[in-house]
């Protein structure tokens, strides 16, 4: 399972990484497609500027321990 995460790095506070939205995806490719579809269209003006200037990056991260859910029927 994969989740989209926004990563930001602040000079004085260090890194921040936050899960974006409520959706998780079975594959990395599905997660990346969802990110590509949503970003930057769903960002507010400040968020869009940060993204375009490279201050925010959206990545897909595998969820540790989520493999057990794939075995449940």
C-alpha atoms as a PDB file:
ATOM      1  CA  UNK A   1       0.000   0.000   0.000  1.00  0.00           C
ATOM      2  CA  UNK A   2       1.199   3.490  -0.878  1.00  0.00           C
ATOM      3  CA  UNK A   3       0.268   6.964   0.345  1.00  0.00           C
ATOM      4  CA  UNK A   4       0.970  10.399  -1.124  1.00  0.00           C
ATOM      5  CA  UNK A   5       3.135  12.570   1.131  1.00  0.00           C
ATOM      6  CA  UNK A   6       4.137  16.220   0.898  1.00  0.00           C
ATOM      7  CA  UNK A   7       7.691  16.974   1.994  1.00  0.00           C
ATOM      8  CA  UNK A   8       8.908  20.427   3.005  1.00  0.00           C
ATOM      9  CA  UNK A   9      12.213  21.511   4.544  1.00  0.00           C
ATOM     10  CA  UNK A  10      12.517  24.591   6.750  1.00  0.00           C
ATOM     11  CA  UNK A  11      15.852  26.258   7.527  1.00  0.00           C
ATOM     12  CA  UNK A  12      15.149  26.691  11.243  1.00  0.00           C
ATOM     13  CA  UNK A  13      12.618  23.935  11.951  1.00  0.00           C
ATOM     14  CA  UNK A  14      13.908  21.088   9.814  1.00  0.00           C
ATOM     15  CA  UNK A  15      11.875  18.693   7.670  1.00  0.00           C
ATOM     16  CA  UNK A  16       8.131  18.194   7.648  1.00  0.00           C
ATOM     17  CA  UNK A  17       6.377  15.300   5.918  1.00  0.00           C
ATOM     18  CA  UNK A  18       2.596  14.966   5.939  1.00  0.00           C
ATOM     19  CA  UNK A  19       0.272  12.396   4.406  1.00  0.00           C
ATOM     20  CA  UNK A  20      -1.950  14.095   1.848  1.00  0.00           C
ATOM     21  CA  UNK A  21      -5.640  13.177   1.765  1.00  0.00           C
ATOM     22  CA  UNK A  22      -7.348   9.993   2.890  1.00  0.00           C
ATOM     23  CA  UNK A  23      -6.626   7.716  -0.053  1.00  0.00           C
ATOM     24  CA  UNK A  24      -4.131   4.884  -0.095  1.00  0.00           C
ATOM     25  CA  UNK A  25      -3.164   3.012  -3.226  1.00  0.00           C
ATOM     26  CA  UNK A  26      -2.269  -0.606  -3.943  1.00  0.00           C
ATOM     27  CA  UNK A  27       0.643   0.294  -6.223  1.00  0.00           C
ATOM     28  CA  UNK A  28       3.228   3.041  -6.435  1.00  0.00           C
ATOM     29  CA  UNK A  29       2.117   3.732  -9.995  1.00  0.00           C
ATOM     30  CA  UNK A  30      -1.503   4.298  -8.901  1.00  0.00           C
ATOM     31  CA  UNK A  31      -0.319   6.637  -6.151  1.00  0.00           C
ATOM     32  CA  UNK A  32       1.874   8.614  -8.551  1.00  0.00           C
ATOM     33  CA  UNK A  33      -0.998   8.892 -11.047  1.00  0.00           C
ATOM     34  CA  UNK A  34      -3.270  10.291  -8.313  1.00  0.00           C
ATOM     35  CA  UNK A  35      -0.601  12.822  -7.323  1.00  0.00           C
ATOM     36  CA  UNK A  36      -0.047  13.870 -10.931  1.00  0.00           C
ATOM     37  CA  UNK A  37      -3.794  14.365 -11.390  1.00  0.00           C
ATOM     38  CA  UNK A  38      -4.280  16.385  -8.190  1.00  0.00           C
ATOM     39  CA  UNK A  39      -1.118  18.512  -8.060  1.00  0.00           C
ATOM     40  CA  UNK A  40      -0.959  21.444  -8.613  1.00  0.00           C
ATOM     41  CA  UNK A  41      -4.639  21.910  -9.549  1.00  0.00           C
ATOM     42  CA  UNK A  42      -5.968  21.350  -6.017  1.00  0.00           C
ATOM     43  CA  UNK A  43      -3.439  23.581  -4.248  1.00  0.00           C
ATOM     44  CA  UNK A  44      -4.290  27.053  -3.014  1.00  0.00           C
ATOM     45  CA  UNK A  45      -2.314  29.975  -4.443  1.00  0.00           C
ATOM     46  CA  UNK A  46       0.387  29.854  -1.752  1.00  0.00           C
ATOM     47  CA  UNK A  47       0.736  26.073  -2.004  1.00  0.00           C
ATOM     48  CA  UNK A  48       0.920  26.192  -5.779  1.00  0.00           C
ATOM     49  CA  UNK A  49       3.674  28.834  -5.644  1.00  0.00           C
ATOM     50  CA  UNK A  50       5.636  26.746  -3.126  1.00  0.00           C
ATOM     51  CA  UNK A  51       5.281  23.675  -5.351  1.00  0.00           C
ATOM     52  CA  UNK A  52       6.321  25.502  -8.516  1.00  0.00           C
ATOM     53  CA  UNK A  53       9.344  27.035  -6.765  1.00  0.00           C
ATOM     54  CA  UNK A  54      10.469  23.654  -5.441  1.00  0.00           C
ATOM     55  CA  UNK A  55       9.683  24.228  -1.761  1.00  0.00           C
ATOM     56  CA  UNK A  56       7.126  21.403  -1.685  1.00  0.00           C
ATOM     57  CA  UNK A  57       7.553  17.972  -3.170  1.00  0.00           C
ATOM     58  CA  UNK A  58       4.901  15.301  -3.420  1.00  0.00           C
ATOM     59  CA  UNK A  59       6.106  11.715  -3.259  1.00  0.00           C
ATOM     60  CA  UNK A  60       4.567   8.294  -2.773  1.00  0.00           C
ATOM     61  CA  UNK A  61       5.752   6.343   0.249  1.00  0.00           C
ATOM     62  CA  UNK A  62       5.134   2.699   0.974  1.00  0.00           C
ATOM     63  CA  UNK A  63       3.185   2.124   4.187  1.00  0.00           C
ATOM     64  CA  UNK A  64       5.182  -0.025   6.612  1.00  0.00           C
ATOM     65  CA  UNK A  65       3.270  -3.083   7.757  1.00  0.00           C
ATOM     66  CA  UNK A  66       0.477  -2.697   5.219  1.00  0.00           C
ATOM     67  CA  UNK A  67       1.211  -6.045   3.575  1.00  0.00           C
ATOM     68  CA  UNK A  68      -0.961  -7.777   6.171  1.00  0.00           C
ATOM     69  CA  UNK A  69      -4.042  -6.040   4.722  1.00  0.00           C
ATOM     70  CA  UNK A  70      -3.445  -7.567   1.305  1.00  0.00           C
ATOM     71  CA  UNK A  71      -3.795 -11.035   2.791  1.00  0.00           C
ATOM     72  CA  UNK A  72      -7.175 -10.301   4.415  1.00  0.00           C
ATOM     73  CA  UNK A  73     -10.172 -11.282   2.339  1.00  0.00           C
END
